[in-house]
Amino acid sequence: MTHRSARRLIATMGLGMIATSAFADAQDDAIRTHCPGAQAWMDRMAALSGRQAAPSDVVSDPRLRDALRDHFKADAEARQAWIAAQGARPAAEHMNGVDRENLAWMKTRFANGLPTAAQVGRESLNDAFVLVQHADADPTFQASMLPSITAWAKQGDLPRGDVALLTDRVLRAEGKPQRYGTQYVFTTPGDLTKMKRQPTEDPTHLAQRRASMDLMSSADYECVLKVTYAGSAGR
């Protein structure tokens, strides 16, 4: 099984972690088969994560942790349905509605930035990041979360790649080229595997910037995105 935090780094265009184990297992199998370079990267990330001290199960705000789990579950289930429907309007509208509900909830809970690992645990902190990444309806809110996400990444409670993912999201919302090449757009209605990378600054040095943030190569990343967004059609 692919390590949870490593696999979550593919969540750039709207995909949260998959809600059912069967779907997640199928996704893992497809990545291993079609994207060996990405699988090798994920294995390295999993090994590095495994050498870190295990976080304590004791959290200071278990109610917030549990609420995050519920909101994240709704996010993941909506995205699973959206992929299965290959972006069809009813599934997209439902997913966008879930995102709006999650955004409204976060704005009442994250006034001072993302919660800490001590408050909710590392797993739910990762969930919180994914919810922020999907809050595209309010780019100002997303930008306001970037300082705390950067701080938690510096102390090892979030992957450095999260900073890259949200930085690119914020830059694109501002109409600027992205920095790390993580954001793509779909090009063909009804087929989520057809996509292209959004405008990116200084493409010549993109590989170095990605490596500095512990991101896999662009080629491996695109492979994972296409396998993921193929849903059951690509398996």
C-alpha atoms as a PDB file:
ATOM      1  CA  MET A   1       0.000   0.000   0.000  1.00  0.00           C
ATOM      2  CA  THR A   2       1.298   3.430  -0.921  1.00  0.00           C
ATOM      3  CA  HIS A   3       2.078   5.659   2.064  1.00  0.00           C
ATOM      4  CA  ARG A   4      -0.838   7.975   2.778  1.00  0.00           C
ATOM      5  CA  SER A   5       1.104  11.220   2.930  1.00  0.00           C
ATOM      6  CA  ALA A   6       3.109  10.479  -0.215  1.00  0.00           C
ATOM      7  CA  ARG A   7       0.069   9.564  -2.259  1.00  0.00           C
ATOM      8  CA  ARG A   8      -1.792  12.643  -1.044  1.00  0.00           C
ATOM      9  CA  LEU A   9       0.679  14.852  -2.895  1.00  0.00           C
ATOM     10  CA  ILE A  10      -1.140  14.070  -6.133  1.00  0.00           C
ATOM     11  CA  ALA A  11      -4.190  15.944  -4.831  1.00  0.00           C
ATOM     12  CA  THR A  12      -3.624  19.033  -6.941  1.00  0.00           C
ATOM     13  CA  MET A  13      -6.723  19.495  -9.025  1.00  0.00           C
ATOM     14  CA  GLY A  14      -9.491  18.358  -6.730  1.00  0.00           C
ATOM     15  CA  LEU A  15      -8.809  14.804  -5.619  1.00  0.00           C
ATOM     16  CA  GLY A  16      -8.722  14.096  -1.915  1.00  0.00           C
ATOM     17  CA  MET A  17      -7.739  10.725  -0.518  1.00  0.00           C
ATOM     18  CA  ILE A  18     -10.095   8.055  -1.773  1.00  0.00           C
ATOM     19  CA  ALA A  19     -12.913   7.205   0.612  1.00  0.00           C
ATOM     20  CA  THR A  20     -13.095   3.423   0.118  1.00  0.00           C
ATOM     21  CA  SER A  21     -10.272   0.943   0.555  1.00  0.00           C
ATOM     22  CA  ALA A  22     -11.232  -0.920  -2.641  1.00  0.00           C
ATOM     23  CA  PHE A  23     -10.879   2.252  -4.717  1.00  0.00           C
ATOM     24  CA  ALA A  24      -7.594   3.112  -3.010  1.00  0.00           C
ATOM     25  CA  ASP A  25      -6.210  -0.385  -3.619  1.00  0.00           C
ATOM     26  CA  ALA A  26      -7.177  -0.203  -7.295  1.00  0.00           C
ATOM     27  CA  GLN A  27      -5.479   3.186  -7.542  1.00  0.00           C
ATOM     28  CA  ASP A  28      -2.308   1.795  -5.975  1.00  0.00           C
ATOM     29  CA  ASP A  29      -2.276  -1.177  -8.353  1.00  0.00           C
ATOM     30  CA  ALA A  30      -2.705   1.082 -11.387  1.00  0.00           C
ATOM     31  CA  ILE A  31       0.116   3.378 -10.287  1.00  0.00           C
ATOM     32  CA  ARG A  32       2.453   0.449  -9.697  1.00  0.00           C
ATOM     33  CA  THR A  33       1.647  -0.910 -13.162  1.00  0.00           C
ATOM     34  CA  HIS A  34       1.680   2.266 -15.235  1.00  0.00           C
ATOM     35  CA  CYS A  35       3.901   4.680 -13.294  1.00  0.00           C
ATOM     36  CA  PRO A  36       6.971   2.820 -11.966  1.00  0.00           C
ATOM     37  CA  GLY A  37       8.958   6.028 -11.521  1.00  0.00           C
ATOM     38  CA  ALA A  38       6.219   7.533  -9.395  1.00  0.00           C
ATOM     39  CA  GLN A  39       5.945   4.325  -7.374  1.00  0.00           C
ATOM     40  CA  ALA A  40       9.691   4.396  -6.678  1.00  0.00           C
ATOM     41  CA  TRP A  41       9.361   8.013  -5.503  1.00  0.00           C
ATOM     42  CA  MET A  42       6.440   7.125  -3.241  1.00  0.00           C
ATOM     43  CA  ASP A  43       8.387   4.224  -1.773  1.00  0.00           C
ATOM     44  CA  ARG A  44      11.272   6.586  -0.957  1.00  0.00           C
ATOM     45  CA  MET A  45       8.914   9.054   0.680  1.00  0.00           C
ATOM     46  CA  ALA A  46       7.311   6.268   2.693  1.00  0.00           C
ATOM     47  CA  ALA A  47      10.726   5.074   3.890  1.00  0.00           C
ATOM     48  CA  LEU A  48      11.703   8.588   4.949  1.00  0.00           C
ATOM     49  CA  SER A  49       8.412   9.055   6.772  1.00  0.00           C
ATOM     50  CA  GLY A  50       8.820   5.711   8.486  1.00  0.00           C
ATOM     51  CA  ARG A  51      12.105   6.832  10.009  1.00  0.00           C
ATOM     52  CA  GLN A  52      10.433   9.787  11.713  1.00  0.00           C
ATOM     53  CA  ALA A  53       9.234   9.437  15.291  1.00  0.00           C
ATOM     54  CA  ALA A  54       5.639   8.288  15.428  1.00  0.00           C
ATOM     55  CA  PRO A  55       3.341  11.130  16.523  1.00  0.00           C
ATOM     56  CA  SER A  56       1.429  10.756  19.748  1.00  0.00           C
ATOM     57  CA  ASP A  57      -2.183   9.617  19.582  1.00  0.00           C
ATOM     58  CA  VAL A  58      -2.986  12.133  22.316  1.00  0.00           C
ATOM     59  CA  VAL A  59      -4.372  15.385  20.912  1.00  0.00           C
ATOM     60  CA  SER A  60      -5.479  18.504  22.694  1.00  0.00           C
ATOM     61  CA  ASP A  61      -8.622  19.049  20.597  1.00  0.00           C
ATOM     62  CA  PRO A  62     -10.225  15.687  19.814  1.00  0.00           C
ATOM     63  CA  ARG A  63     -13.518  17.314  18.820  1.00  0.00           C
ATOM     64  CA  LEU A  64     -11.793  19.324  16.101  1.00  0.00           C
ATOM     65  CA  ARG A  65      -9.897  16.211  15.007  1.00  0.00           C
ATOM     66  CA  ASP A  66     -13.124  14.247  14.673  1.00  0.00           C
ATOM     67  CA  ALA A  67     -14.841  17.089  12.818  1.00  0.00           C
ATOM     68  CA  LEU A  68     -11.919  17.251  10.380  1.00  0.00           C
ATOM     69  CA  ARG A  69     -12.260  13.544   9.723  1.00  0.00           C
ATOM     70  CA  ASP A  70     -15.950  13.979   8.910  1.00  0.00           C
ATOM     71  CA  HIS A  71     -15.391  16.920   6.568  1.00  0.00           C
ATOM     72  CA  PHE A  72     -12.506  15.151   4.865  1.00  0.00           C
ATOM     73  CA  LYS A  73     -14.604  12.017   4.363  1.00  0.00           C
ATOM     74  CA  ALA A  74     -17.289  14.099   2.637  1.00  0.00           C
ATOM     75  CA  ASP A  75     -14.617  15.700   0.441  1.00  0.00           C
ATOM     76  CA  ALA A  76     -13.116  12.347  -0.576  1.00  0.00           C
ATOM     77  CA  GLU A  77     -16.456  10.679  -1.277  1.00  0.00           C
ATOM     78  CA  ALA A  78     -17.573  13.588  -3.466  1.00  0.00           C
ATOM     79  CA  ARG A  79     -14.366  13.418  -5.472  1.00  0.00           C
ATOM     80  CA  GLN A  80     -14.576   9.670  -5.862  1.00  0.00           C
ATOM     81  CA  ALA A  81     -18.065  10.091  -7.338  1.00  0.00           C
ATOM     82  CA  TRP A  82     -16.887  12.934  -9.570  1.00  0.00           C
ATOM     83  CA  ILE A  83     -14.067  10.827 -11.007  1.00  0.00           C
ATOM     84  CA  ALA A  84     -16.402   7.871 -11.531  1.00  0.00           C
ATOM     85  CA  ALA A  85     -18.710  10.219 -13.461  1.00  0.00           C
ATOM     86  CA  GLN A  86     -15.750  11.693 -15.390  1.00  0.00           C
ATOM     87  CA  GLY A  87     -16.683  15.210 -14.394  1.00  0.00           C
ATOM     88  CA  ALA A  88     -20.384  15.053 -15.300  1.00  0.00           C
ATOM     89  CA  ARG A  89     -22.313  18.123 -14.173  1.00  0.00           C
ATOM     90  CA  PRO A  90     -24.405  16.566 -11.353  1.00  0.00           C
ATOM     91  CA  ALA A  91     -21.301  15.056  -9.733  1.00  0.00           C
ATOM     92  CA  ALA A  92     -19.373  18.307 -10.214  1.00  0.00           C
ATOM     93  CA  GLU A  93     -22.187  20.339  -8.643  1.00  0.00           C
ATOM     94  CA  HIS A  94     -22.321  18.000  -5.680  1.00  0.00           C
ATOM     95  CA  MET A  95     -18.547  18.173  -5.222  1.00  0.00           C
ATOM     96  CA  ASN A  96     -18.598  21.979  -5.412  1.00  0.00           C
ATOM     97  CA  GLY A  97     -21.387  22.058  -2.841  1.00  0.00           C
ATOM     98  CA  VAL A  98     -19.340  19.931  -0.453  1.00  0.00           C
ATOM     99  CA  ASP A  99     -16.385  22.259  -0.978  1.00  0.00           C
ATOM    100  CA  ARG A 100     -18.539  25.285  -0.133  1.00  0.00           C
ATOM    101  CA  GLU A 101     -19.798  23.643   3.050  1.00  0.00           C
ATOM    102  CA  ASN A 102     -16.271  22.682   4.073  1.00  0.00           C
ATOM    103  CA  LEU A 103     -15.018  26.188   3.345  1.00  0.00           C
ATOM    104  CA  ALA A 104     -17.737  27.800   5.462  1.00  0.00           C
ATOM    105  CA  TRP A 105     -16.863  25.443   8.320  1.00  0.00           C
ATOM    106  CA  MET A 106     -13.111  26.089   8.040  1.00  0.00           C
ATOM    107  CA  LYS A 107     -13.597  29.839   8.123  1.00  0.00           C
ATOM    108  CA  THR A 108     -15.187  29.480  11.553  1.00  0.00           C
ATOM    109  CA  ARG A 109     -12.419  27.191  12.860  1.00  0.00           C
ATOM    110  CA  PHE A 110      -9.181  28.318  11.214  1.00  0.00           C
ATOM    111  CA  ALA A 111      -9.180  32.015  12.078  1.00  0.00           C
ATOM    112  CA  ASN A 112      -5.550  31.788  13.226  1.00  0.00           C
ATOM    113  CA  GLY A 113      -4.353  29.429  10.505  1.00  0.00           C
ATOM    114  CA  LEU A 114      -4.263  25.678  10.166  1.00  0.00           C
ATOM    115  CA  PRO A 115      -4.529  23.762  13.471  1.00  0.00           C
ATOM    116  CA  THR A 116      -1.390  22.186  14.865  1.00  0.00           C
ATOM    117  CA  ALA A 117      -0.447  18.513  14.956  1.00  0.00           C
ATOM    118  CA  ALA A 118      -0.622  18.742  18.746  1.00  0.00           C
ATOM    119  CA  GLN A 119      -4.262  19.801  18.469  1.00  0.00           C
ATOM    120  CA  VAL A 120      -5.530  17.280  15.921  1.00  0.00           C
ATOM    121  CA  GLY A 121      -2.716  14.828  15.119  1.00  0.00           C
ATOM    122  CA  ARG A 122      -0.678  14.607  11.938  1.00  0.00           C
ATOM    123  CA  GLU A 123      -3.259  12.601  10.011  1.00  0.00           C
ATOM    124  CA  SER A 124      -6.030  15.124  10.574  1.00  0.00           C
ATOM    125  CA  LEU A 125      -3.590  17.973   9.939  1.00  0.00           C
ATOM    126  CA  ASN A 126      -2.994  16.429   6.526  1.00  0.00           C
ATOM    127  CA  ASP A 127      -6.765  16.243   6.060  1.00  0.00           C
ATOM    128  CA  ALA A 128      -7.029  19.925   6.917  1.00  0.00           C
ATOM    129  CA  PHE A 129      -4.471  20.785   4.256  1.00  0.00           C
ATOM    130  CA  VAL A 130      -6.425  18.924   1.573  1.00  0.00           C
ATOM    131  CA  LEU A 131      -9.602  20.792   2.538  1.00  0.00           C
ATOM    132  CA  VAL A 132      -7.760  24.111   2.215  1.00  0.00           C
ATOM    133  CA  GLN A 133      -6.337  23.049  -1.154  1.00  0.00           C
ATOM    134  CA  HIS A 134      -9.880  22.461  -2.361  1.00  0.00           C
ATOM    135  CA  ALA A 135     -11.236  25.819  -1.107  1.00  0.00           C
ATOM    136  CA  ASP A 136     -10.884  27.442  -4.534  1.00  0.00           C
ATOM    137  CA  ALA A 137     -14.054  29.479  -4.068  1.00  0.00           C
ATOM    138  CA  ASP A 138     -12.108  31.751  -1.697  1.00  0.00           C
ATOM    139  CA  PRO A 139      -8.507  32.334  -2.873  1.00  0.00           C
ATOM    140  CA  THR A 140      -8.010  34.934  -0.141  1.00  0.00           C
ATOM    141  CA  PHE A 141      -8.734  32.311   2.494  1.00  0.00           C
ATOM    142  CA  GLN A 142      -6.336  29.891   0.814  1.00  0.00           C
ATOM    143  CA  ALA A 143      -3.593  32.520   0.794  1.00  0.00           C
ATOM    144  CA  SER A 144      -4.202  33.250   4.480  1.00  0.00           C
ATOM    145  CA  MET A 145      -3.473  29.594   5.291  1.00  0.00           C
ATOM    146  CA  LEU A 146      -0.110  29.576   3.512  1.00  0.00           C
ATOM    147  CA  PRO A 147       1.952  31.005   6.426  1.00  0.00           C
ATOM    148  CA  SER A 148       0.803  28.344   8.906  1.00  0.00           C
ATOM    149  CA  ILE A 149       1.174  25.556   6.329  1.00  0.00           C
ATOM    150  CA  THR A 150       4.714  26.758   5.632  1.00  0.00           C
ATOM    151  CA  ALA A 151       5.475  26.809   9.350  1.00  0.00           C
ATOM    152  CA  TRP A 152       4.128  23.298   9.981  1.00  0.00           C
ATOM    153  CA  ALA A 153       6.091  21.989   6.993  1.00  0.00           C
ATOM    154  CA  LYS A 154       9.313  23.525   8.328  1.00  0.00           C
ATOM    155  CA  GLN A 155       8.881  21.655  11.595  1.00  0.00           C
ATOM    156  CA  GLY A 156       8.075  18.387   9.834  1.00  0.00           C
ATOM    157  CA  ASP A 157       4.364  18.085  10.558  1.00  0.00           C
ATOM    158  CA  LEU A 158       3.371  18.524   6.898  1.00  0.00           C
ATOM    159  CA  PRO A 159       5.249  17.513   3.725  1.00  0.00           C
ATOM    160  CA  ARG A 160       7.229  20.297   2.056  1.00  0.00           C
ATOM    161  CA  GLY A 161       5.309  19.527  -1.106  1.00  0.00           C
ATOM    162  CA  ASP A 162       2.181  20.958   0.521  1.00  0.00           C
ATOM    163  CA  VAL A 163       3.761  24.401   0.484  1.00  0.00           C
ATOM    164  CA  ALA A 164       4.433  24.004  -3.241  1.00  0.00           C
ATOM    165  CA  LEU A 165       0.899  22.810  -3.959  1.00  0.00           C
ATOM    166  CA  LEU A 166      -0.809  25.694  -2.183  1.00  0.00           C
ATOM    167  CA  THR A 167       1.708  28.252  -3.454  1.00  0.00           C
ATOM    168  CA  ASP A 168       0.860  27.250  -7.013  1.00  0.00           C
ATOM    169  CA  ARG A 169      -2.856  27.385  -6.263  1.00  0.00           C
ATOM    170  CA  VAL A 170      -2.538  30.900  -4.832  1.00  0.00           C
ATOM    171  CA  LEU A 171      -0.378  32.152  -7.696  1.00  0.00           C
ATOM    172  CA  ARG A 172      -2.820  30.875 -10.313  1.00  0.00           C
ATOM    173  CA  ALA A 173      -5.757  32.496  -8.489  1.00  0.00           C
ATOM    174  CA  GLU A 174      -3.817  35.763  -8.714  1.00  0.00           C
ATOM    175  CA  GLY A 175      -3.416  35.300 -12.464  1.00  0.00           C
ATOM    176  CA  LYS A 176       0.318  34.610 -12.163  1.00  0.00           C
ATOM    177  CA  PRO A 177       2.360  31.668 -13.486  1.00  0.00           C
ATOM    178  CA  GLN A 178       2.714  28.853 -10.996  1.00  0.00           C
ATOM    179  CA  ARG A 179       6.145  28.064  -9.539  1.00  0.00           C
ATOM    180  CA  TYR A 180       6.264  24.283  -9.103  1.00  0.00           C
ATOM    181  CA  GLY A 181       4.143  23.008 -11.981  1.00  0.00           C
ATOM    182  CA  THR A 182       1.542  21.246  -9.838  1.00  0.00           C
ATOM    183  CA  GLN A 183      -1.628  22.723 -11.346  1.00  0.00           C
ATOM    184  CA  TYR A 184      -3.286  21.306 -14.463  1.00  0.00           C
ATOM    185  CA  VAL A 185      -6.535  21.982 -16.308  1.00  0.00           C
ATOM    186  CA  PHE A 186      -8.820  19.526 -18.067  1.00  0.00           C
ATOM    187  CA  THR A 187      -9.069  19.978 -21.832  1.00  0.00           C
ATOM    188  CA  THR A 188     -11.722  17.493 -22.981  1.00  0.00           C
ATOM    189  CA  PRO A 189     -15.208  17.329 -21.425  1.00  0.00           C
ATOM    190  CA  GLY A 190     -16.092  13.820 -20.319  1.00  0.00           C
ATOM    191  CA  ASP A 191     -12.470  12.623 -20.166  1.00  0.00           C
ATOM    192  CA  LEU A 192     -10.548  13.675 -17.079  1.00  0.00           C
ATOM    193  CA  THR A 193      -7.337  12.086 -18.350  1.00  0.00           C
ATOM    194  CA  LYS A 194      -6.976  14.821 -20.965  1.00  0.00           C
ATOM    195  CA  MET A 195      -5.172  17.709 -19.295  1.00  0.00           C
ATOM    196  CA  LYS A 196      -2.382  20.227 -19.634  1.00  0.00           C
ATOM    197  CA  ARG A 197      -0.135  22.004 -17.202  1.00  0.00           C
ATOM    198  CA  GLN A 198      -1.078  25.587 -16.433  1.00  0.00           C
ATOM    199  CA  PRO A 199       1.406  28.415 -17.178  1.00  0.00           C
ATOM    200  CA  THR A 200       4.609  27.951 -15.178  1.00  0.00           C
ATOM    201  CA  GLU A 201       7.468  30.355 -14.511  1.00  0.00           C
ATOM    202  CA  ASP A 202      11.019  29.553 -15.665  1.00  0.00           C
ATOM    203  CA  PRO A 203      10.312  26.066 -17.086  1.00  0.00           C
ATOM    204  CA  THR A 204      14.041  25.468 -17.605  1.00  0.00           C
ATOM    205  CA  HIS A 205      14.619  25.158 -13.860  1.00  0.00           C
ATOM    206  CA  LEU A 206      11.291  23.532 -12.948  1.00  0.00           C
ATOM    207  CA  ALA A 207      12.861  20.148 -12.178  1.00  0.00           C
ATOM    208  CA  GLN A 208      15.234  21.716  -9.642  1.00  0.00           C
ATOM    209  CA  ARG A 209      12.427  23.621  -7.955  1.00  0.00           C
ATOM    210  CA  ARG A 210      10.288  20.507  -7.718  1.00  0.00           C
ATOM    211  CA  ALA A 211      13.151  18.496  -6.260  1.00  0.00           C
ATOM    212  CA  SER A 212      13.774  21.188  -3.645  1.00  0.00           C
ATOM    213  CA  MET A 213      10.208  20.685  -2.398  1.00  0.00           C
ATOM    214  CA  ASP A 214      10.310  16.857  -2.420  1.00  0.00           C
ATOM    215  CA  LEU A 215       8.019  16.617  -5.447  1.00  0.00           C
ATOM    216  CA  MET A 216       8.314  13.797  -7.974  1.00  0.00           C
ATOM    217  CA  SER A 217       9.371  14.575 -11.544  1.00  0.00           C
ATOM    218  CA  SER A 218       6.826  16.244 -13.811  1.00  0.00           C
ATOM    219  CA  ALA A 219       6.650  13.176 -16.068  1.00  0.00           C
ATOM    220  CA  ASP A 220       5.912  10.831 -13.161  1.00  0.00           C
ATOM    221  CA  TYR A 221       3.448  13.323 -11.723  1.00  0.00           C
ATOM    222  CA  GLU A 222       1.510  13.527 -14.987  1.00  0.00           C
ATOM    223  CA  CYS A 223       1.415   9.742 -15.168  1.00  0.00           C
ATOM    224  CA  VAL A 224      -0.108   9.527 -11.687  1.00  0.00           C
ATOM    225  CA  LEU A 225      -2.639  12.247 -12.460  1.00  0.00           C
ATOM    226  CA  LYS A 226      -3.817  10.492 -15.613  1.00  0.00           C
ATOM    227  CA  VAL A 227      -4.069   7.099 -13.905  1.00  0.00           C
ATOM    228  CA  THR A 228      -5.924   8.640 -10.983  1.00  0.00           C
ATOM    229  CA  TYR A 229      -8.380  10.629 -13.063  1.00  0.00           C
ATOM    230  CA  ALA A 230      -9.098   7.689 -15.353  1.00  0.00           C
ATOM    231  CA  GLY A 231     -11.137   6.194 -12.517  1.00  0.00           C
ATOM    232  CA  SER A 232     -12.542   2.734 -13.198  1.00  0.00           C
ATOM    233  CA  ALA A 233     -12.272   3.349 -16.957  1.00  0.00           C
ATOM    234  CA  GLY A 234      -8.502   3.216 -16.783  1.00  0.00           C
ATOM    235  CA  ARG A 235      -8.182   0.066 -14.710  1.00  0.00           C
END
